[in-house]
Protein backbone atom coordinates (compact mmCIF):
# COMPACT_ATOMS: atom_id res chain seq x y z
CA UNK A 1 2.10 26.14 -4.61
CA UNK A 2 -0.23 28.78 -6.07
CA UNK A 3 -0.77 28.20 -10.11
CA UNK A 4 -0.93 31.30 -12.10
CA UNK A 5 -3.46 31.29 -14.59
CA UNK A 6 -2.94 30.30 -17.74
CA UNK A 7 -2.36 33.96 -19.39
CA UNK A 8 -0.42 35.19 -16.57
CA UNK A 9 1.98 32.15 -17.16
CA UNK A 10 2.18 32.87 -20.52
CA UNK A 11 2.98 36.69 -20.20
CA UNK A 12 5.60 35.14 -17.71
CA UNK A 13 7.02 33.24 -20.29
CA UNK A 14 7.02 36.18 -22.49
CA UNK A 15 8.83 38.53 -20.65
CA UNK A 16 11.86 35.78 -20.25
CA UNK A 17 15.01 37.00 -22.16
CA UNK A 18 14.49 35.20 -25.62
CA UNK A 19 18.65 34.79 -26.27
CA UNK A 20 20.10 33.61 -29.31
CA UNK A 21 23.79 34.44 -28.76
CA UNK A 22 26.38 31.65 -28.78
CA UNK A 23 24.00 29.66 -26.35
CA UNK A 24 21.54 29.00 -29.68
CA UNK A 25 24.53 28.53 -31.57
CA UNK A 26 25.70 25.54 -29.24
CA UNK A 27 22.23 24.14 -28.94
CA UNK A 28 22.31 23.90 -32.83
CA UNK A 29 25.61 22.17 -32.51
CA UNK A 30 23.97 19.55 -30.00
CA UNK A 31 20.95 19.34 -32.01
CA UNK A 32 23.13 18.28 -34.91
CA UNK A 33 25.03 15.88 -33.28
CA UNK A 34 21.87 14.30 -32.20
CA UNK A 35 20.13 14.54 -35.56
CA UNK A 36 22.69 13.57 -37.82
CA UNK A 37 22.90 9.82 -37.34
CA UNK A 38 19.44 9.49 -37.71
CA UNK A 39 18.41 11.94 -40.02
CA UNK A 40 16.92 9.13 -42.93
CA UNK A 41 14.66 7.99 -40.13
CA UNK A 42 13.79 11.29 -39.16
CA UNK A 43 12.54 12.22 -42.89
CA UNK A 44 10.89 8.87 -43.35
CA UNK A 45 8.79 9.49 -40.18
CA UNK A 46 7.88 12.75 -41.09
CA UNK A 47 6.79 11.35 -44.28
CA UNK A 48 4.65 8.80 -42.97
CA UNK A 49 3.62 10.70 -39.49
CA UNK A 50 3.01 14.13 -40.91
CA UNK A 51 3.26 14.52 -44.71
CA UNK A 52 1.16 11.60 -45.88
CA UNK A 53 -1.85 12.56 -43.52
CA UNK A 54 -1.66 15.89 -44.64
CA UNK A 55 -1.85 14.86 -48.13
CA UNK A 56 -4.86 12.48 -47.63
CA UNK A 57 -6.39 15.47 -46.03
CA UNK A 58 -6.15 17.83 -48.80
CA UNK A 59 -6.98 15.41 -51.39
CA UNK A 60 -10.18 14.52 -49.57
CA UNK A 61 -11.05 18.02 -49.56
CA UNK A 62 -9.98 18.75 -53.03
CA UNK A 63 -12.08 15.80 -54.30
CA UNK A 64 -9.74 15.13 -57.12
CA UNK A 65 -5.90 14.07 -57.54
CA UNK A 66 -3.19 16.49 -56.62
CA UNK A 67 -1.40 15.52 -60.00
CA UNK A 68 -0.83 18.65 -62.11
CA UNK A 69 -2.29 21.13 -59.23
CA UNK A 70 -0.67 24.30 -58.53
CA UNK A 71 0.38 25.14 -54.70
CA UNK A 72 1.49 27.87 -52.54
CA UNK A 73 3.71 27.18 -49.71
CA UNK A 74 3.91 29.77 -46.83
CA UNK A 75 7.33 29.70 -45.18
CA UNK A 76 9.12 26.75 -46.90
CA UNK A 77 12.13 27.73 -44.70
CA UNK A 78 16.14 26.86 -45.88
CA UNK A 79 15.75 23.45 -46.62
CA UNK A 80 12.30 23.20 -48.03
CA UNK A 81 11.39 19.99 -46.76
CA UNK A 82 7.70 20.08 -47.47
CA UNK A 83 7.68 21.83 -50.74
CA UNK A 84 10.21 19.26 -52.01
CA UNK A 85 7.60 16.67 -50.83
CA UNK A 86 4.68 17.97 -52.21
CA UNK A 87 6.53 18.88 -55.71
CA UNK A 88 6.00 14.89 -56.45
CA UNK A 89 2.43 15.79 -57.49
CA UNK A 90 2.29 19.43 -57.72
CA UNK A 91 3.75 22.82 -59.20
CA UNK A 92 4.94 24.48 -56.02
CA UNK A 93 5.70 27.98 -55.46
CA UNK A 94 7.16 29.05 -52.01
CA UNK A 95 7.18 32.71 -50.32
CA UNK A 96 9.19 33.75 -47.24
CA UNK A 97 10.52 36.63 -45.65
CA UNK A 98 13.91 35.43 -45.80
CA UNK A 99 14.59 34.12 -49.27
CA UNK A 100 18.24 33.04 -49.42
CA UNK A 101 20.12 32.26 -52.62
CA UNK A 102 22.51 29.07 -52.49
CA UNK A 103 26.02 30.70 -51.96
CA UNK A 104 27.18 33.66 -50.26
CA UNK A 105 24.95 36.40 -50.91
CA UNK A 106 25.79 39.54 -48.44
CA UNK A 107 22.97 41.61 -50.06
CA UNK A 108 20.66 38.99 -48.68
CA UNK A 109 21.73 38.71 -45.38
CA UNK A 110 21.84 42.63 -45.29
CA UNK A 111 18.00 42.57 -46.04
CA UNK A 112 17.40 39.86 -43.22
CA UNK A 113 19.42 42.08 -40.72
CA UNK A 114 17.36 44.93 -42.11
CA UNK A 115 13.89 43.45 -41.49
CA UNK A 116 14.29 40.63 -38.91
CA UNK A 117 17.65 41.56 -36.47
CA UNK A 118 20.93 40.33 -35.93
CA UNK A 119 19.52 37.42 -34.15
CA UNK A 120 17.74 36.05 -37.51
CA UNK A 121 20.92 36.72 -39.05
CA UNK A 122 23.23 34.96 -36.63
CA UNK A 123 21.20 31.92 -36.29
CA UNK A 124 20.76 31.31 -40.20
CA UNK A 125 24.32 31.71 -40.54
CA UNK A 126 24.72 29.11 -37.66
CA UNK A 127 22.83 26.74 -39.56
CA UNK A 128 24.77 27.15 -42.56
CA UNK A 129 27.88 26.93 -41.00
CA UNK A 130 26.99 23.77 -39.06
CA UNK A 131 25.45 22.30 -42.28
CA UNK A 132 21.65 21.70 -40.97
CA UNK A 133 20.30 23.10 -44.24
CA UNK A 134 22.24 20.76 -46.54
CA UNK A 135 22.01 17.91 -44.21
CA UNK A 136 18.33 18.10 -44.48
CA UNK A 137 18.41 18.54 -48.59
CA UNK A 138 20.28 15.62 -49.02
CA UNK A 139 18.43 13.38 -46.68
CA UNK A 140 15.04 14.24 -48.47
CA UNK A 141 17.02 13.68 -51.78
CA UNK A 142 18.05 9.88 -50.60
CA UNK A 143 14.41 9.20 -48.98
CA UNK A 144 12.61 10.78 -51.69
CA UNK A 145 14.47 10.45 -55.08
CA UNK A 146 11.46 12.10 -57.09
CA UNK A 147 11.51 15.30 -54.58
CA UNK A 148 14.50 16.54 -56.11
CA UNK A 149 12.79 19.39 -57.94
CA UNK A 150 13.76 22.74 -56.22
CA UNK A 151 10.35 24.98 -56.12
CA UNK A 152 10.33 28.43 -57.38
CA UNK A 153 10.59 30.70 -54.08
CA UNK A 154 9.77 34.53 -53.89
CA UNK A 155 10.35 37.09 -50.97
CA UNK A 156 6.78 37.88 -50.06
CA UNK A 157 4.68 38.98 -46.74
CA UNK A 158 2.02 36.71 -46.31
CA UNK A 159 -0.29 39.02 -44.92
CA UNK A 160 0.14 41.26 -48.33
CA UNK A 161 0.44 38.57 -51.12
CA UNK A 162 1.09 40.20 -54.77
CA UNK A 163 -0.76 36.97 -56.53
CA UNK A 164 -3.92 37.42 -58.29
CA UNK A 165 -7.05 36.31 -56.73
CA UNK A 166 -7.48 32.66 -57.68
CA UNK A 167 -4.22 31.64 -58.86
CA UNK A 168 -3.81 28.40 -56.91
CA UNK A 169 -5.44 25.07 -56.27
CA UNK A 170 -3.80 24.64 -52.83
CA UNK A 171 -2.06 26.64 -50.13
CA UNK A 172 -0.75 25.33 -46.99
CA UNK A 173 1.77 25.88 -44.66
CA UNK A 174 3.79 23.56 -41.71
CA UNK A 175 5.00 25.05 -38.24
CA UNK A 176 4.85 28.63 -39.78
CA UNK A 177 1.69 30.04 -38.32
CA UNK A 178 2.76 30.22 -34.66
CA UNK A 179 5.48 32.48 -35.74
CA UNK A 180 3.24 34.82 -37.34
CA UNK A 181 1.85 37.86 -35.21
CA UNK A 182 -1.22 37.76 -37.23
CA UNK A 183 -2.06 34.40 -38.48
CA UNK A 184 -5.89 35.49 -39.15
CA UNK A 185 -4.62 38.00 -41.83
CA UNK A 186 -2.57 35.06 -43.49
CA UNK A 187 -5.67 32.92 -43.44
CA UNK A 188 -7.51 35.60 -45.51
CA UNK A 189 -4.88 36.08 -48.19
CA UNK A 190 -4.69 32.25 -48.57
CA UNK A 191 -8.44 32.12 -49.29
CA UNK A 192 -8.17 35.03 -51.62
CA UNK A 193 -5.57 33.15 -53.79
CA UNK A 194 -6.83 29.69 -53.99
CA UNK A 195 -9.27 29.07 -56.61
CA UNK A 196 -13.29 28.24 -56.07
CA UNK A 197 -12.94 24.60 -55.15
CA UNK A 198 -9.09 24.90 -54.11
CA UNK A 199 -7.99 24.09 -50.63
CA UNK A 200 -6.55 26.12 -47.92
CA UNK A 201 -4.21 23.47 -45.48
CA UNK A 202 -2.50 24.81 -42.62
CA UNK A 203 -0.69 22.49 -39.80
CA UNK A 204 0.48 24.73 -36.74
CA UNK A 205 2.37 24.10 -33.40
CA UNK A 206 0.37 24.60 -30.10
CA UNK A 207 2.08 27.16 -27.79
CA UNK A 208 0.84 25.34 -24.55
CA UNK A 209 2.59 21.76 -26.07
CA UNK A 210 5.56 20.38 -24.14
CA UNK A 211 7.76 21.83 -27.15
CA UNK A 212 5.36 24.91 -27.88
CA UNK A 213 8.61 27.15 -27.10
CA UNK A 214 10.39 25.63 -29.81
CA UNK A 215 13.60 25.15 -27.86
CA UNK A 216 15.79 23.16 -29.60
CA UNK A 217 16.33 20.49 -26.62
CA UNK A 218 12.33 19.71 -26.28
CA UNK A 219 12.32 19.22 -30.17
CA UNK A 220 15.34 16.75 -30.31
CA UNK A 221 14.35 14.78 -26.99
CA UNK A 222 17.72 15.57 -25.36
CA UNK A 223 16.51 17.50 -22.88
CA UNK A 224 19.56 18.42 -21.27
CA UNK A 225 18.01 19.85 -18.06
CA UNK A 226 14.99 21.38 -19.49
CA UNK A 227 11.87 20.23 -17.60
CA UNK A 228 8.77 19.34 -19.19
CA UNK A 229 6.18 22.36 -20.15
CA UNK A 230 8.97 24.67 -18.40
CA UNK A 231 7.55 27.52 -20.48
CA UNK A 232 4.40 27.41 -18.65
CA UNK A 233 5.80 27.31 -15.00
CA UNK A 234 6.89 30.20 -13.45
CA UNK A 235 9.44 28.71 -11.34
CA UNK A 236 11.02 26.62 -14.59
CA UNK A 237 10.71 29.26 -17.22
CA UNK A 238 14.09 30.75 -16.75
CA UNK A 239 15.33 27.25 -18.42
CA UNK A 240 13.74 27.87 -21.69
CA UNK A 241 15.59 29.11 -24.63
CA UNK A 242 12.89 30.59 -27.44
CA UNK A 243 13.57 29.49 -30.67
CA UNK A 244 12.15 32.47 -32.33
CA UNK A 245 9.20 34.76 -32.04
CA UNK A 246 5.81 33.00 -31.18
CA UNK A 247 2.72 34.46 -30.95
CA UNK A 248 1.71 32.43 -28.08
CA UNK A 249 -2.11 32.03 -28.99
CA UNK A 250 -4.36 29.45 -27.04
CA UNK A 251 -6.23 26.37 -27.96
CA UNK A 252 -9.42 27.97 -27.74
CA UNK A 253 -7.77 31.03 -29.61
CA UNK A 254 -6.78 29.02 -32.51
CA UNK A 255 -10.19 27.00 -32.61
CA UNK A 256 -12.26 30.24 -32.78
CA UNK A 257 -10.25 31.70 -35.50
CA UNK A 258 -10.38 28.38 -37.39
CA UNK A 259 -14.26 28.47 -37.14
CA UNK A 260 -14.18 32.25 -38.44
CA UNK A 261 -11.97 31.62 -41.17
CA UNK A 262 -12.92 28.17 -42.23
CA UNK A 263 -16.31 26.96 -41.29
CA UNK A 264 -17.05 23.17 -41.70
CA UNK A 265 -13.17 22.71 -42.23
CA UNK A 266 -11.78 19.12 -41.34
CA UNK A 267 -9.61 19.44 -38.24
CA UNK A 268 -6.89 16.91 -36.69
CA UNK A 269 -4.94 16.80 -33.92
CA UNK A 270 -1.54 15.49 -33.12
CA UNK A 271 -0.78 14.46 -29.51
CA UNK A 272 2.42 13.70 -27.58
CA UNK A 273 0.41 10.86 -25.56
CA UNK A 274 3.77 9.38 -24.57
CA UNK A 275 3.78 12.65 -22.06
CA UNK A 276 0.65 11.66 -20.17
CA UNK A 277 2.68 9.98 -17.24
CA UNK A 278 4.86 13.10 -17.14
CA UNK A 279 1.60 15.24 -16.97
CA UNK A 280 0.32 13.04 -14.27
CA UNK A 281 3.33 13.73 -12.01
CA UNK A 282 3.16 17.47 -12.61
CA UNK A 283 -0.66 17.54 -11.79
CA UNK A 284 -0.13 15.34 -8.53
CA UNK A 285 2.08 17.82 -7.57
CA UNK A 286 -0.10 20.56 -7.94
CA UNK A 287 1.08 22.13 -11.21
CA UNK A 288 -0.08 23.22 -14.76
CA UNK A 289 -3.83 23.05 -13.08
CA UNK A 290 -4.88 26.29 -15.22
CA UNK A 291 -4.34 24.00 -18.17
CA UNK A 292 -6.60 21.13 -19.89
CA UNK A 293 -5.07 17.84 -20.95
CA UNK A 294 -5.73 18.96 -24.45
CA UNK A 295 -4.07 21.97 -24.09
CA UNK A 296 -0.66 20.41 -23.06
CA UNK A 297 -0.78 17.01 -25.08
CA UNK A 298 -2.17 18.35 -28.15
CA UNK A 299 1.24 19.43 -30.23
CA UNK A 300 0.17 20.25 -33.74
CA UNK A 301 -3.35 21.30 -35.22
CA UNK A 302 -4.44 20.13 -38.87
CA UNK A 303 -6.80 22.16 -40.68
CA UNK A 304 -8.01 21.26 -44.41
CA UNK A 305 -11.02 23.56 -46.14
CA UNK A 306 -12.45 23.60 -49.47
CA UNK A 307 -13.13 27.15 -50.68
CA UNK A 308 -16.71 27.24 -52.36
């Protein structure tokens, strides 16, 4: 089979209908059934595999303890996992385009509908009805009793922040930048609002990874008929149910952007080495030839940079 160039395959994926509707609600329900029995173990794993290395990188770049520092989180989400974790050391303020108060707020959902469309509203309501956010919040409180603090949340566009220059000691995000149309604009704003000697940290998901389309089935590991790297394979892309807007930047594009924005930054990559055998099978069949091993096996890129 003739392999399409990477850019063609990504455009092909982009043109695929990114349906939410009832299928996404079913996917959320299935994911809840998969996750709920192992949520505490998942939270402990996130702390060990993701947050602890992140704290290590931030501390090393900052050159001093985190205790007493002020931090800005871009896109904390509805259960504020990272914000709760980092609140063990720092005073955290979170900003998001969609900040929903506890309980029913018709006005907040109307604003979400106006700003982000009915699909975002449907997905959020589905998560609330299924108890996703409540389940995660309680798991973090059980696993990390010190992280019960609820951070301050503000509705704000990360590309046009209203904070004064040099407000925070640390600015960070997790799995947000891949959802932003102009991440470099967010990088510039993070640099502006961080103090001299402060740190900017971002951990973002690579689109060309196996779970890069954010299909819930790939994230949970219960694939339910989803082929590996289906979003990059023209004959399999119809299997994919995308989990929201993605900017689809390549590894090379991300690295060029990081080099421009954060010269000299520490960069780490989390890799899906357990998928190497699956990749070997596809390569033997002549598929995914347009992509390097790094593009396909790197799942997340972690960047820590100290502002001069």
